[in-house]
Amino acid sequence: MKQLWKNWTTGALAIMLVLSLAACGVNNEPKQGTAPAPTEQVTPAVEEASAATVYPLTVKDATGEEITFKEAPKKIISISPAETESLFALGLDEQIVGVSDYDDYPAAVTTKPKMGGLYNPNEEAMIAAQPDLVVTGISMSVEAAKHLRDLGITIYKTDPKTVDDVISNIEVFGQITDHQAEAKTVVDKIKHDRDEVTEAVKSLTPEQKKKVYIEFSPGWTVGSGEYMNDLINLAGGVNVAADTVGWNEISEEKIINDNPDVILFSKNVVDDKTKKKLDEIIKARNGWDQITAIKNNTIYGLDDNLISRPGPRVTEGLKEIASAIYPELVKP
């Protein structure tokens, strides 16, 4: 498995391995300001662009851990590319004191100290940086988060399953850091892009909706309950793997029987053993030449980072998916 994921250059889809690390300390200050957990699908109140955070502020992360902030964090580490993008989008460049080895966007991340990989972040480096907050995402397991909490590091973990979850996470980051105005700007763009796509495909009847298969790493696809599935749904497609849950190894016979109209794949992935790109692997599978998508050459490569990082650019990935499925309705 690790060999497959080494080729996933973003490192963001280590969900299936859940071997990453992170940590968080809990402060039991009175809960004068409280932000709900994003996983509960409750959006924090951000009524005005100029709203200021009231501290102490207590938030609950995706693991159910409650964290209280006496003030806005001055030193933040992110060990997840999606969360790093979110923090930079909020204008927190000066507060970010460390990023993961896989972070590559925006360009400013190249100047930040590296805190190790997604599987084995450098605990000593994180402790030495004395962060007020460590942020991590879908790559980290609950057990790994607890391990780093036990080291006394404050961590906020996300686990977005939908675009709405991404929006909620960004709003909570805005509250934690007292950057609510910046969060509103980012969220407004995400909502605008999402609504633009859903408006373009809303007239499709169930019969007109195309069946879609997505492969992000050789032999792996995604079912219901994950944000990639949500992107396909928002784009007006029908995920042929939606009858499964989470990230799954594929059944080649099942995909043939499902007969997708469109196949989507991560265009930068190369198999370690064969050195072949993902579309070459897909087209060469026995019997797959009978699939409608391959017969009609409706097989499209997607930007790995845009579809693998549930952060501020998530709707750019949505647009890529929608324009691949319905090029006549959604322009790239």
C-alpha atoms as a PDB file:
ATOM      1  CA  MET A   1       0.000   0.000   0.000  1.00  0.00           C
ATOM      2  CA  LYS A   2       2.725   2.498   0.882  1.00  0.00           C
ATOM      3  CA  GLN A   3       4.254   2.035  -2.556  1.00  0.00           C
ATOM      4  CA  LEU A   4       0.987   3.057  -4.195  1.00  0.00           C
ATOM      5  CA  TRP A   5       0.667   6.058  -1.971  1.00  0.00           C
ATOM      6  CA  LYS A   6       4.229   7.232  -2.627  1.00  0.00           C
ATOM      7  CA  ASN A   7       3.079   8.022  -6.131  1.00  0.00           C
ATOM      8  CA  TRP A   8       0.167  10.050  -4.828  1.00  0.00           C
ATOM      9  CA  THR A   9       2.287  13.156  -4.825  1.00  0.00           C
ATOM     10  CA  THR A  10      -0.004  15.201  -2.661  1.00  0.00           C
ATOM     11  CA  GLY A  11       0.194  12.722   0.183  1.00  0.00           C
ATOM     12  CA  ALA A  12      -3.305  13.799   1.108  1.00  0.00           C
ATOM     13  CA  LEU A  13      -5.039  10.495   0.528  1.00  0.00           C
ATOM     14  CA  ALA A  14      -3.277   8.492   3.176  1.00  0.00           C
ATOM     15  CA  ILE A  15      -6.712   7.854   4.654  1.00  0.00           C
ATOM     16  CA  MET A  16      -6.570   4.141   4.048  1.00  0.00           C
ATOM     17  CA  LEU A  17      -3.252   3.786   5.845  1.00  0.00           C
ATOM     18  CA  VAL A  18      -4.075   6.020   8.816  1.00  0.00           C
ATOM     19  CA  LEU A  19      -0.537   5.792  10.120  1.00  0.00           C
ATOM     20  CA  SER A  20       0.179   9.513  10.415  1.00  0.00           C
ATOM     21  CA  LEU A  21       0.743  11.363  13.700  1.00  0.00           C
ATOM     22  CA  ALA A  22      -0.417  14.552  15.425  1.00  0.00           C
ATOM     23  CA  ALA A  23      -1.315  15.909  18.821  1.00  0.00           C
ATOM     24  CA  CYS A  24      -3.331  18.279  20.945  1.00  0.00           C
ATOM     25  CA  GLY A  25      -3.509  19.554  24.503  1.00  0.00           C
ATOM     26  CA  VAL A  26      -6.853  20.436  26.068  1.00  0.00           C
ATOM     27  CA  ASN A  27      -7.367  23.570  28.122  1.00  0.00           C
ATOM     28  CA  ASN A  28     -10.309  23.571  30.501  1.00  0.00           C
ATOM     29  CA  GLU A  29     -10.963  27.306  30.489  1.00  0.00           C
ATOM     30  CA  PRO A  30     -14.614  28.432  30.838  1.00  0.00           C
ATOM     31  CA  LYS A  31     -16.397  28.103  27.478  1.00  0.00           C
ATOM     32  CA  GLN A  32     -17.311  31.711  26.903  1.00  0.00           C
ATOM     33  CA  GLY A  33     -17.040  31.307  23.136  1.00  0.00           C
ATOM     34  CA  THR A  34     -17.820  27.971  21.531  1.00  0.00           C
ATOM     35  CA  ALA A  35     -17.528  26.743  17.954  1.00  0.00           C
ATOM     36  CA  PRO A  36     -19.372  23.533  16.973  1.00  0.00           C
ATOM     37  CA  ALA A  37     -17.556  20.577  15.463  1.00  0.00           C
ATOM     38  CA  PRO A  38     -17.483  20.665  11.636  1.00  0.00           C
ATOM     39  CA  THR A  39     -18.304  16.958  11.497  1.00  0.00           C
ATOM     40  CA  GLU A  40     -21.670  17.738  13.042  1.00  0.00           C
ATOM     41  CA  GLN A  41     -22.529  19.825   9.971  1.00  0.00           C
ATOM     42  CA  VAL A  42     -23.209  22.885  12.113  1.00  0.00           C
ATOM     43  CA  THR A  43     -21.645  26.030  10.740  1.00  0.00           C
ATOM     44  CA  PRO A  44     -20.217  28.475  13.286  1.00  0.00           C
ATOM     45  CA  ALA A  45     -21.883  31.857  13.434  1.00  0.00           C
ATOM     46  CA  VAL A  46     -20.018  34.243  11.170  1.00  0.00           C
ATOM     47  CA  GLU A  47     -22.641  36.907  10.737  1.00  0.00           C
ATOM     48  CA  GLU A  48     -20.439  39.775   9.654  1.00  0.00           C
ATOM     49  CA  ALA A  49     -17.201  39.992   7.751  1.00  0.00           C
ATOM     50  CA  SER A  50     -15.856  42.162  10.570  1.00  0.00           C
ATOM     51  CA  ALA A  51     -16.857  39.758  13.369  1.00  0.00           C
ATOM     52  CA  ALA A  52     -14.164  39.352  15.993  1.00  0.00           C
ATOM     53  CA  THR A  53     -13.532  36.166  17.948  1.00  0.00           C
ATOM     54  CA  VAL A  54     -14.388  36.238  21.636  1.00  0.00           C
ATOM     55  CA  TYR A  55     -11.860  34.395  23.786  1.00  0.00           C
ATOM     56  CA  PRO A  56     -11.722  32.032  25.581  1.00  0.00           C
ATOM     57  CA  LEU A  57     -13.011  30.026  22.607  1.00  0.00           C
ATOM     58  CA  THR A  58     -13.752  26.308  22.795  1.00  0.00           C
ATOM     59  CA  VAL A  59     -13.956  24.184  19.661  1.00  0.00           C
ATOM     60  CA  LYS A  60     -14.492  20.488  19.071  1.00  0.00           C
ATOM     61  CA  ASP A  61     -12.495  18.712  16.368  1.00  0.00           C
ATOM     62  CA  ALA A  62     -13.321  15.631  14.254  1.00  0.00           C
ATOM     63  CA  THR A  63     -12.155  13.277  17.008  1.00  0.00           C
ATOM     64  CA  GLY A  64     -14.583  14.838  19.487  1.00  0.00           C
ATOM     65  CA  GLU A  65     -11.764  16.517  21.412  1.00  0.00           C
ATOM     66  CA  GLU A  66     -12.616  19.889  22.941  1.00  0.00           C
ATOM     67  CA  ILE A  67      -9.890  22.514  22.767  1.00  0.00           C
ATOM     68  CA  THR A  68      -9.984  25.898  24.456  1.00  0.00           C
ATOM     69  CA  PHE A  69      -7.985  28.865  23.168  1.00  0.00           C
ATOM     70  CA  LYS A  70      -7.279  31.779  25.504  1.00  0.00           C
ATOM     71  CA  GLU A  71      -6.163  33.839  22.495  1.00  0.00           C
ATOM     72  CA  ALA A  72      -5.444  33.472  18.797  1.00  0.00           C
ATOM     73  CA  PRO A  73      -2.584  31.006  18.174  1.00  0.00           C
ATOM     74  CA  LYS A  74       0.676  32.780  17.370  1.00  0.00           C
ATOM     75  CA  LYS A  75       2.586  29.706  16.179  1.00  0.00           C
ATOM     76  CA  ILE A  76       0.811  27.129  13.998  1.00  0.00           C
ATOM     77  CA  ILE A  77       2.062  23.925  12.398  1.00  0.00           C
ATOM     78  CA  SER A  78       0.125  22.163   9.643  1.00  0.00           C
ATOM     79  CA  ILE A  79       0.938  18.567   8.752  1.00  0.00           C
ATOM     80  CA  SER A  80      -1.735  18.231   6.091  1.00  0.00           C
ATOM     81  CA  PRO A  81      -1.546  19.855   2.623  1.00  0.00           C
ATOM     82  CA  ALA A  82      -5.277  20.670   2.519  1.00  0.00           C
ATOM     83  CA  GLU A  83      -5.203  22.357   5.909  1.00  0.00           C
ATOM     84  CA  THR A  84      -2.001  24.205   5.003  1.00  0.00           C
ATOM     85  CA  GLU A  85      -3.747  25.631   1.959  1.00  0.00           C
ATOM     86  CA  SER A  86      -6.678  26.692   4.128  1.00  0.00           C
ATOM     87  CA  LEU A  87      -4.467  28.470   6.647  1.00  0.00           C
ATOM     88  CA  PHE A  88      -2.534  30.315   3.959  1.00  0.00           C
ATOM     89  CA  ALA A  89      -5.819  31.291   2.290  1.00  0.00           C
ATOM     90  CA  LEU A  90      -6.766  32.969   5.573  1.00  0.00           C
ATOM     91  CA  GLY A  91      -3.604  35.075   5.481  1.00  0.00           C
ATOM     92  CA  LEU A  92      -1.806  33.230   8.274  1.00  0.00           C
ATOM     93  CA  ASP A  93       1.620  33.097   6.617  1.00  0.00           C
ATOM     94  CA  GLU A  94       3.368  34.781   9.564  1.00  0.00           C
ATOM     95  CA  GLN A  95       1.800  32.439  12.111  1.00  0.00           C
ATOM     96  CA  ILE A  96       2.717  29.231  10.252  1.00  0.00           C
ATOM     97  CA  VAL A  97       5.992  27.883  11.657  1.00  0.00           C
ATOM     98  CA  GLY A  98       6.029  24.437  10.054  1.00  0.00           C
ATOM     99  CA  VAL A  99       4.486  22.307   7.310  1.00  0.00           C
ATOM    100  CA  SER A 100       4.654  18.702   6.154  1.00  0.00           C
ATOM    101  CA  ASP A 101       7.198  17.436   3.632  1.00  0.00           C
ATOM    102  CA  TYR A 102       4.361  17.073   1.107  1.00  0.00           C
ATOM    103  CA  ASP A 103       3.176  20.665   1.221  1.00  0.00           C
ATOM    104  CA  ASP A 104       3.766  22.435  -2.095  1.00  0.00           C
ATOM    105  CA  TYR A 105       1.044  25.088  -2.346  1.00  0.00           C
ATOM    106  CA  PRO A 106       1.050  28.037  -2.186  1.00  0.00           C
ATOM    107  CA  ALA A 107       4.650  28.891  -3.112  1.00  0.00           C
ATOM    108  CA  ALA A 108       5.258  30.429   0.322  1.00  0.00           C
ATOM    109  CA  VAL A 109       5.275  26.954   1.904  1.00  0.00           C
ATOM    110  CA  THR A 110       8.751  26.381   0.454  1.00  0.00           C
ATOM    111  CA  THR A 111      10.158  28.834   2.996  1.00  0.00           C
ATOM    112  CA  LYS A 112       8.636  27.040   5.979  1.00  0.00           C
ATOM    113  CA  PRO A 113      10.449  24.491   8.161  1.00  0.00           C
ATOM    114  CA  LYS A 114       9.533  20.906   7.308  1.00  0.00           C
ATOM    115  CA  MET A 115       7.978  18.762  10.005  1.00  0.00           C
ATOM    116  CA  GLY A 116       8.332  15.374   8.318  1.00  0.00           C
ATOM    117  CA  GLY A 117       6.059  13.158   6.289  1.00  0.00           C
ATOM    118  CA  LEU A 118       2.405  12.345   6.657  1.00  0.00           C
ATOM    119  CA  TYR A 119       3.149   8.875   7.966  1.00  0.00           C
ATOM    120  CA  ASN A 120       6.010   9.832  10.262  1.00  0.00           C
ATOM    121  CA  PRO A 121       5.983  13.515  11.149  1.00  0.00           C
ATOM    122  CA  ASN A 122       8.994  14.644  13.116  1.00  0.00           C
ATOM    123  CA  GLU A 123       7.813  14.750  16.713  1.00  0.00           C
ATOM    124  CA  GLU A 124      11.045  16.324  17.968  1.00  0.00           C
ATOM    125  CA  ALA A 125      10.851  19.116  15.407  1.00  0.00           C
ATOM    126  CA  MET A 126       7.231  19.831  16.298  1.00  0.00           C
ATOM    127  CA  ILE A 127       7.952  19.942  20.006  1.00  0.00           C
ATOM    128  CA  ALA A 128      10.990  22.172  19.456  1.00  0.00           C
ATOM    129  CA  ALA A 129       8.878  24.638  17.445  1.00  0.00           C
ATOM    130  CA  GLN A 130       6.639  25.105  20.510  1.00  0.00           C
ATOM    131  CA  PRO A 131       3.438  25.546  18.488  1.00  0.00           C
ATOM    132  CA  ASP A 132       0.235  26.849  20.009  1.00  0.00           C
ATOM    133  CA  LEU A 133      -1.649  24.672  17.528  1.00  0.00           C
ATOM    134  CA  VAL A 134      -0.974  21.740  15.197  1.00  0.00           C
ATOM    135  CA  VAL A 135      -3.545  21.202  12.452  1.00  0.00           C
ATOM    136  CA  THR A 136      -4.015  17.936  10.605  1.00  0.00           C
ATOM    137  CA  GLY A 137      -6.592  16.343   8.340  1.00  0.00           C
ATOM    138  CA  ILE A 138      -7.869  13.172   6.703  1.00  0.00           C
ATOM    139  CA  SER A 139      -4.443  11.515   6.602  1.00  0.00           C
ATOM    140  CA  MET A 140      -4.245  11.093  10.357  1.00  0.00           C
ATOM    141  CA  SER A 141      -5.948   8.401  12.392  1.00  0.00           C
ATOM    142  CA  VAL A 142      -7.676   9.084  15.690  1.00  0.00           C
ATOM    143  CA  GLU A 143      -5.096   6.869  17.412  1.00  0.00           C
ATOM    144  CA  ALA A 144      -2.218   8.859  15.950  1.00  0.00           C
ATOM    145  CA  ALA A 145      -3.819  12.103  17.073  1.00  0.00           C
ATOM    146  CA  LYS A 146      -4.142  10.735  20.593  1.00  0.00           C
ATOM    147  CA  HIS A 147      -0.485   9.723  20.579  1.00  0.00           C
ATOM    148  CA  LEU A 148       0.647  13.267  19.917  1.00  0.00           C
ATOM    149  CA  ARG A 149      -1.862  14.684  22.362  1.00  0.00           C
ATOM    150  CA  ASP A 150      -0.176  12.524  24.964  1.00  0.00           C
ATOM    151  CA  LEU A 151       3.041  14.398  24.136  1.00  0.00           C
ATOM    152  CA  GLY A 152       1.316  17.622  25.107  1.00  0.00           C
ATOM    153  CA  ILE A 153       0.919  19.149  21.644  1.00  0.00           C
ATOM    154  CA  THR A 154      -2.366  20.912  20.867  1.00  0.00           C
ATOM    155  CA  ILE A 155      -3.915  19.476  17.714  1.00  0.00           C
ATOM    156  CA  TYR A 156      -7.052  20.181  15.752  1.00  0.00           C
ATOM    157  CA  LYS A 157      -7.929  17.308  13.397  1.00  0.00           C
ATOM    158  CA  THR A 158     -10.391  17.552  10.517  1.00  0.00           C
ATOM    159  CA  ASP A 159     -12.102  14.749   8.598  1.00  0.00           C
ATOM    160  CA  PRO A 160     -14.219  16.411   5.897  1.00  0.00           C
ATOM    161  CA  LYS A 161     -16.697  14.167   4.099  1.00  0.00           C
ATOM    162  CA  THR A 162     -18.421  16.848   2.000  1.00  0.00           C
ATOM    163  CA  VAL A 163     -17.861  20.314   0.573  1.00  0.00           C
ATOM    164  CA  ASP A 164     -20.047  21.619   3.402  1.00  0.00           C
ATOM    165  CA  ASP A 165     -17.549  20.095   5.852  1.00  0.00           C
ATOM    166  CA  VAL A 166     -14.704  21.913   4.090  1.00  0.00           C
ATOM    167  CA  ILE A 167     -16.628  25.174   4.425  1.00  0.00           C
ATOM    168  CA  SER A 168     -17.266  24.545   8.106  1.00  0.00           C
ATOM    169  CA  ASN A 169     -13.606  23.718   8.771  1.00  0.00           C
ATOM    170  CA  ILE A 170     -12.449  26.958   7.169  1.00  0.00           C
ATOM    171  CA  GLU A 171     -14.963  28.942   9.202  1.00  0.00           C
ATOM    172  CA  VAL A 172     -13.727  27.309  12.408  1.00  0.00           C
ATOM    173  CA  PHE A 173     -10.111  28.076  11.463  1.00  0.00           C
ATOM    174  CA  GLY A 174     -11.241  31.669  11.003  1.00  0.00           C
ATOM    175  CA  GLN A 175     -12.740  31.693  14.480  1.00  0.00           C
ATOM    176  CA  ILE A 176      -9.737  30.075  16.157  1.00  0.00           C
ATOM    177  CA  THR A 177      -7.303  32.549  14.588  1.00  0.00           C
ATOM    178  CA  ASP A 178      -9.554  35.629  14.681  1.00  0.00           C
ATOM    179  CA  HIS A 179      -9.488  35.756  10.878  1.00  0.00           C
ATOM    180  CA  GLN A 180     -13.224  35.525  10.348  1.00  0.00           C
ATOM    181  CA  ALA A 181     -13.348  38.170   7.636  1.00  0.00           C
ATOM    182  CA  GLU A 182     -10.746  36.273   5.605  1.00  0.00           C
ATOM    183  CA  ALA A 183     -12.601  33.010   6.195  1.00  0.00           C
ATOM    184  CA  LYS A 184     -15.820  34.539   4.925  1.00  0.00           C
ATOM    185  CA  THR A 185     -14.098  35.632   1.709  1.00  0.00           C
ATOM    186  CA  VAL A 186     -12.756  32.117   1.096  1.00  0.00           C
ATOM    187  CA  VAL A 187     -16.069  30.459   1.969  1.00  0.00           C
ATOM    188  CA  ASP A 188     -18.059  32.839  -0.231  1.00  0.00           C
ATOM    189  CA  LYS A 189     -15.920  31.839  -3.235  1.00  0.00           C
ATOM    190  CA  ILE A 190     -16.340  28.140  -2.518  1.00  0.00           C
ATOM    191  CA  LYS A 191     -20.094  28.560  -2.266  1.00  0.00           C
ATOM    192  CA  HIS A 192     -20.211  30.612  -5.468  1.00  0.00           C
ATOM    193  CA  ASP A 193     -18.225  28.000  -7.402  1.00  0.00           C
ATOM    194  CA  ARG A 194     -20.318  25.152  -6.007  1.00  0.00           C
ATOM    195  CA  ASP A 195     -23.573  26.900  -6.842  1.00  0.00           C
ATOM    196  CA  GLU A 196     -22.318  27.687 -10.347  1.00  0.00           C
ATOM    197  CA  VAL A 197     -21.761  23.989 -11.010  1.00  0.00           C
ATOM    198  CA  THR A 198     -24.974  22.747  -9.412  1.00  0.00           C
ATOM    199  CA  GLU A 199     -26.964  25.356 -11.331  1.00  0.00           C
ATOM    200  CA  ALA A 200     -25.407  24.205 -14.612  1.00  0.00           C
ATOM    201  CA  VAL A 201     -26.399  20.557 -14.085  1.00  0.00           C
ATOM    202  CA  LYS A 202     -29.694  20.954 -12.213  1.00  0.00           C
ATOM    203  CA  SER A 203     -31.862  20.330 -15.280  1.00  0.00           C
ATOM    204  CA  LEU A 204     -30.460  16.818 -15.820  1.00  0.00           C
ATOM    205  CA  THR A 205     -33.048  14.087 -15.437  1.00  0.00           C
ATOM    206  CA  PRO A 206     -32.106  10.826 -13.690  1.00  0.00           C
ATOM    207  CA  GLU A 207     -31.932   9.195 -17.128  1.00  0.00           C
ATOM    208  CA  GLN A 208     -29.534  11.866 -18.394  1.00  0.00           C
ATOM    209  CA  LYS A 209     -27.124  11.606 -15.509  1.00  0.00           C
ATOM    210  CA  LYS A 210     -23.907   9.832 -16.508  1.00  0.00           C
ATOM    211  CA  LYS A 211     -22.374   6.941 -14.627  1.00  0.00           C
ATOM    212  CA  VAL A 212     -18.896   7.829 -13.382  1.00  0.00           C
ATOM    213  CA  TYR A 213     -15.945   5.753 -12.209  1.00  0.00           C
ATOM    214  CA  ILE A 214     -12.977   7.459 -10.502  1.00  0.00           C
ATOM    215  CA  GLU A 215      -9.580   5.873  -9.824  1.00  0.00           C
ATOM    216  CA  PHE A 216      -7.094   7.908  -7.802  1.00  0.00           C
ATOM    217  CA  SER A 217      -4.408   5.246  -7.260  1.00  0.00           C
ATOM    218  CA  PRO A 218      -3.894   1.965  -9.146  1.00  0.00           C
ATOM    219  CA  GLY A 219      -6.781  -0.318  -8.256  1.00  0.00           C
ATOM    220  CA  TRP A 220      -8.440   2.078  -5.775  1.00  0.00           C
ATOM    221  CA  THR A 221     -11.687   3.991  -5.987  1.00  0.00           C
ATOM    222  CA  VAL A 222     -14.046   5.784  -3.600  1.00  0.00           C
ATOM    223  CA  GLY A 223     -17.556   4.958  -2.468  1.00  0.00           C
ATOM    224  CA  SER A 224     -20.172   6.837  -0.493  1.00  0.00           C
ATOM    225  CA  GLY A 225     -19.407   8.808   2.637  1.00  0.00           C
ATOM    226  CA  GLU A 226     -16.292  10.583   1.334  1.00  0.00           C
ATOM    227  CA  TYR A 227     -15.795  14.016  -0.195  1.00  0.00           C
ATOM    228  CA  MET A 228     -14.799  12.699  -3.652  1.00  0.00           C
ATOM    229  CA  ASN A 229     -18.185  11.017  -3.867  1.00  0.00           C
ATOM    230  CA  ASP A 230     -19.780  14.317  -2.856  1.00  0.00           C
ATOM    231  CA  LEU A 231     -17.908  16.075  -5.686  1.00  0.00           C
ATOM    232  CA  ILE A 232     -19.253  13.579  -8.234  1.00  0.00           C
ATOM    233  CA  ASN A 233     -22.792  14.044  -6.909  1.00  0.00           C
ATOM    234  CA  LEU A 234     -22.548  17.844  -6.980  1.00  0.00           C
ATOM    235  CA  ALA A 235     -21.253  17.605 -10.550  1.00  0.00           C
ATOM    236  CA  GLY A 236     -24.414  15.744 -11.555  1.00  0.00           C
ATOM    237  CA  GLY A 237     -22.752  12.362 -11.965  1.00  0.00           C
ATOM    238  CA  VAL A 238     -23.611   8.964 -10.507  1.00  0.00           C
ATOM    239  CA  ASN A 239     -20.675   7.264  -8.816  1.00  0.00           C
ATOM    240  CA  VAL A 240     -20.740   3.591  -9.813  1.00  0.00           C
ATOM    241  CA  ALA A 241     -18.941   2.739  -6.549  1.00  0.00           C
ATOM    242  CA  ALA A 242     -21.501   4.529  -4.365  1.00  0.00           C
ATOM    243  CA  ASP A 243     -22.875   1.155  -3.265  1.00  0.00           C
ATOM    244  CA  THR A 244     -19.651   0.738  -1.290  1.00  0.00           C
ATOM    245  CA  VAL A 245     -18.477   2.871   1.614  1.00  0.00           C
ATOM    246  CA  GLY A 246     -15.178   4.726   1.886  1.00  0.00           C
ATOM    247  CA  TRP A 247     -11.954   4.026   0.000  1.00  0.00           C
ATOM    248  CA  ASN A 248     -11.967   0.627  -1.710  1.00  0.00           C
ATOM    249  CA  GLU A 249      -9.889  -1.705  -3.805  1.00  0.00           C
ATOM    250  CA  ILE A 250     -11.797  -2.234  -7.009  1.00  0.00           C
ATOM    251  CA  SER A 251     -13.440  -5.320  -8.450  1.00  0.00           C
ATOM    252  CA  GLU A 252     -12.518  -5.205 -12.130  1.00  0.00           C
ATOM    253  CA  GLU A 253     -15.533  -7.349 -13.061  1.00  0.00           C
ATOM    254  CA  LYS A 254     -17.869  -5.073 -11.132  1.00  0.00           C
ATOM    255  CA  ILE A 255     -16.650  -1.992 -12.999  1.00  0.00           C
ATOM    256  CA  ILE A 256     -17.179  -3.789 -16.319  1.00  0.00           C
ATOM    257  CA  ASN A 257     -20.717  -4.674 -15.261  1.00  0.00           C
ATOM    258  CA  ASP A 258     -21.356  -1.120 -14.003  1.00  0.00           C
ATOM    259  CA  ASN A 259     -20.266   0.124 -17.445  1.00  0.00           C
ATOM    260  CA  PRO A 260     -19.469   3.777 -16.583  1.00  0.00           C
ATOM    261  CA  ASP A 261     -20.036   6.476 -19.194  1.00  0.00           C
ATOM    262  CA  VAL A 262     -17.054   8.464 -17.902  1.00  0.00           C
ATOM    263  CA  ILE A 263     -13.803   7.410 -16.245  1.00  0.00           C
ATOM    264  CA  LEU A 264     -11.821   9.906 -14.187  1.00  0.00           C
ATOM    265  CA  PHE A 265      -8.259   9.298 -12.980  1.00  0.00           C
ATOM    266  CA  SER A 266      -5.375  11.088 -11.287  1.00  0.00           C
ATOM    267  CA  LYS A 267      -3.166  12.192 -14.138  1.00  0.00           C
ATOM    268  CA  ASN A 268       0.157  12.379 -12.288  1.00  0.00           C
ATOM    269  CA  VAL A 269       0.071   8.906 -10.747  1.00  0.00           C
ATOM    270  CA  VAL A 270       2.637   6.392 -12.023  1.00  0.00           C
ATOM    271  CA  ASP A 271       2.747   2.757 -10.891  1.00  0.00           C
ATOM    272  CA  ASP A 272       6.011   1.868  -9.117  1.00  0.00           C
ATOM    273  CA  LYS A 273       6.385  -1.548 -10.683  1.00  0.00           C
ATOM    274  CA  THR A 274       5.286  -1.019 -14.271  1.00  0.00           C
ATOM    275  CA  LYS A 275       6.165   2.703 -14.538  1.00  0.00           C
ATOM    276  CA  LYS A 276       2.892   3.133 -16.408  1.00  0.00           C
ATOM    277  CA  LYS A 277       0.525   6.034 -15.964  1.00  0.00           C
ATOM    278  CA  LEU A 278      -2.885   5.359 -14.511  1.00  0.00           C
ATOM    279  CA  ASP A 279      -4.806   5.771 -17.773  1.00  0.00           C
ATOM    280  CA  GLU A 280      -2.528   3.228 -19.456  1.00  0.00           C
ATOM    281  CA  ILE A 281      -3.199   0.752 -16.648  1.00  0.00           C
ATOM    282  CA  ILE A 282      -6.949   1.326 -16.856  1.00  0.00           C
ATOM    283  CA  LYS A 283      -7.144   0.886 -20.636  1.00  0.00           C
ATOM    284  CA  ALA A 284      -5.025  -2.278 -20.589  1.00  0.00           C
ATOM    285  CA  ARG A 285      -7.223  -4.214 -18.165  1.00  0.00           C
ATOM    286  CA  ASN A 286      -8.787  -7.354 -19.556  1.00  0.00           C
ATOM    287  CA  GLY A 287     -12.335  -6.716 -20.771  1.00  0.00           C
ATOM    288  CA  TRP A 288     -12.289  -2.999 -20.009  1.00  0.00           C
ATOM    289  CA  ASP A 289     -12.180  -2.176 -23.712  1.00  0.00           C
ATOM    290  CA  GLN A 290     -15.904  -2.992 -23.681  1.00  0.00           C
ATOM    291  CA  ILE A 291     -16.697  -0.258 -21.149  1.00  0.00           C
ATOM    292  CA  THR A 292     -18.578   2.655 -22.717  1.00  0.00           C
ATOM    293  CA  ALA A 293     -16.138   5.252 -21.363  1.00  0.00           C
ATOM    294  CA  ILE A 294     -13.159   3.526 -22.971  1.00  0.00           C
ATOM    295  CA  LYS A 295     -14.968   2.788 -26.238  1.00  0.00           C
ATOM    296  CA  ASN A 296     -15.976   6.462 -26.481  1.00  0.00           C
ATOM    297  CA  ASN A 297     -12.644   7.726 -25.130  1.00  0.00           C
ATOM    298  CA  THR A 298     -14.429   9.646 -22.344  1.00  0.00           C
ATOM    299  CA  ILE A 299     -11.591   9.072 -19.910  1.00  0.00           C
ATOM    300  CA  TYR A 300     -10.145  12.186 -18.306  1.00  0.00           C
ATOM    301  CA  GLY A 301      -7.126  12.948 -16.156  1.00  0.00           C
ATOM    302  CA  LEU A 302      -7.633  15.262 -13.181  1.00  0.00           C
ATOM    303  CA  ASP A 303      -5.226  17.443 -11.221  1.00  0.00           C
ATOM    304  CA  ASP A 304      -4.207  15.301  -8.253  1.00  0.00           C
ATOM    305  CA  ASN A 305      -3.981  18.195  -5.809  1.00  0.00           C
ATOM    306  CA  LEU A 306      -7.385  19.619  -6.665  1.00  0.00           C
ATOM    307  CA  ILE A 307      -9.268  16.374  -6.134  1.00  0.00           C
ATOM    308  CA  SER A 308      -7.207  15.042  -3.225  1.00  0.00           C
ATOM    309  CA  ARG A 309      -7.126  18.120  -0.993  1.00  0.00           C
ATOM    310  CA  PRO A 310     -10.406  19.104   0.674  1.00  0.00           C
ATOM    311  CA  GLY A 311      -9.351  22.694   1.213  1.00  0.00           C
ATOM    312  CA  PRO A 312      -9.977  26.123  -0.324  1.00  0.00           C
ATOM    313  CA  ARG A 313      -9.435  24.837  -3.887  1.00  0.00           C
ATOM    314  CA  VAL A 314     -11.927  21.985  -3.533  1.00  0.00           C
ATOM    315  CA  THR A 315     -14.394  23.576  -5.938  1.00  0.00           C
ATOM    316  CA  GLU A 316     -11.676  23.950  -8.556  1.00  0.00           C
ATOM    317  CA  GLY A 317     -11.568  20.161  -8.411  1.00  0.00           C
ATOM    318  CA  LEU A 318     -15.361  20.125  -8.608  1.00  0.00           C
ATOM    319  CA  LYS A 319     -15.241  22.211 -11.777  1.00  0.00           C
ATOM    320  CA  GLU A 320     -12.699  19.843 -13.340  1.00  0.00           C
ATOM    321  CA  ILE A 321     -14.924  16.865 -12.551  1.00  0.00           C
ATOM    322  CA  ALA A 322     -18.089  18.549 -13.824  1.00  0.00           C
ATOM    323  CA  SER A 323     -16.508  19.748 -17.060  1.00  0.00           C
ATOM    324  CA  ALA A 324     -15.136  16.241 -17.722  1.00  0.00           C
ATOM    325  CA  ILE A 325     -18.566  14.636 -17.219  1.00  0.00           C
ATOM    326  CA  TYR A 326     -20.656  17.339 -18.923  1.00  0.00           C
ATOM    327  CA  PRO A 327     -18.361  19.470 -21.136  1.00  0.00           C
ATOM    328  CA  GLU A 328     -21.394  20.895 -22.881  1.00  0.00           C
ATOM    329  CA  LEU A 329     -22.766  22.240 -19.576  1.00  0.00           C
ATOM    330  CA  VAL A 330     -19.704  23.168 -17.523  1.00  0.00           C
ATOM    331  CA  LYS A 331     -16.670  24.902 -18.974  1.00  0.00           C
ATOM    332  CA  PRO A 332     -13.244  24.239 -17.387  1.00  0.00           C
END
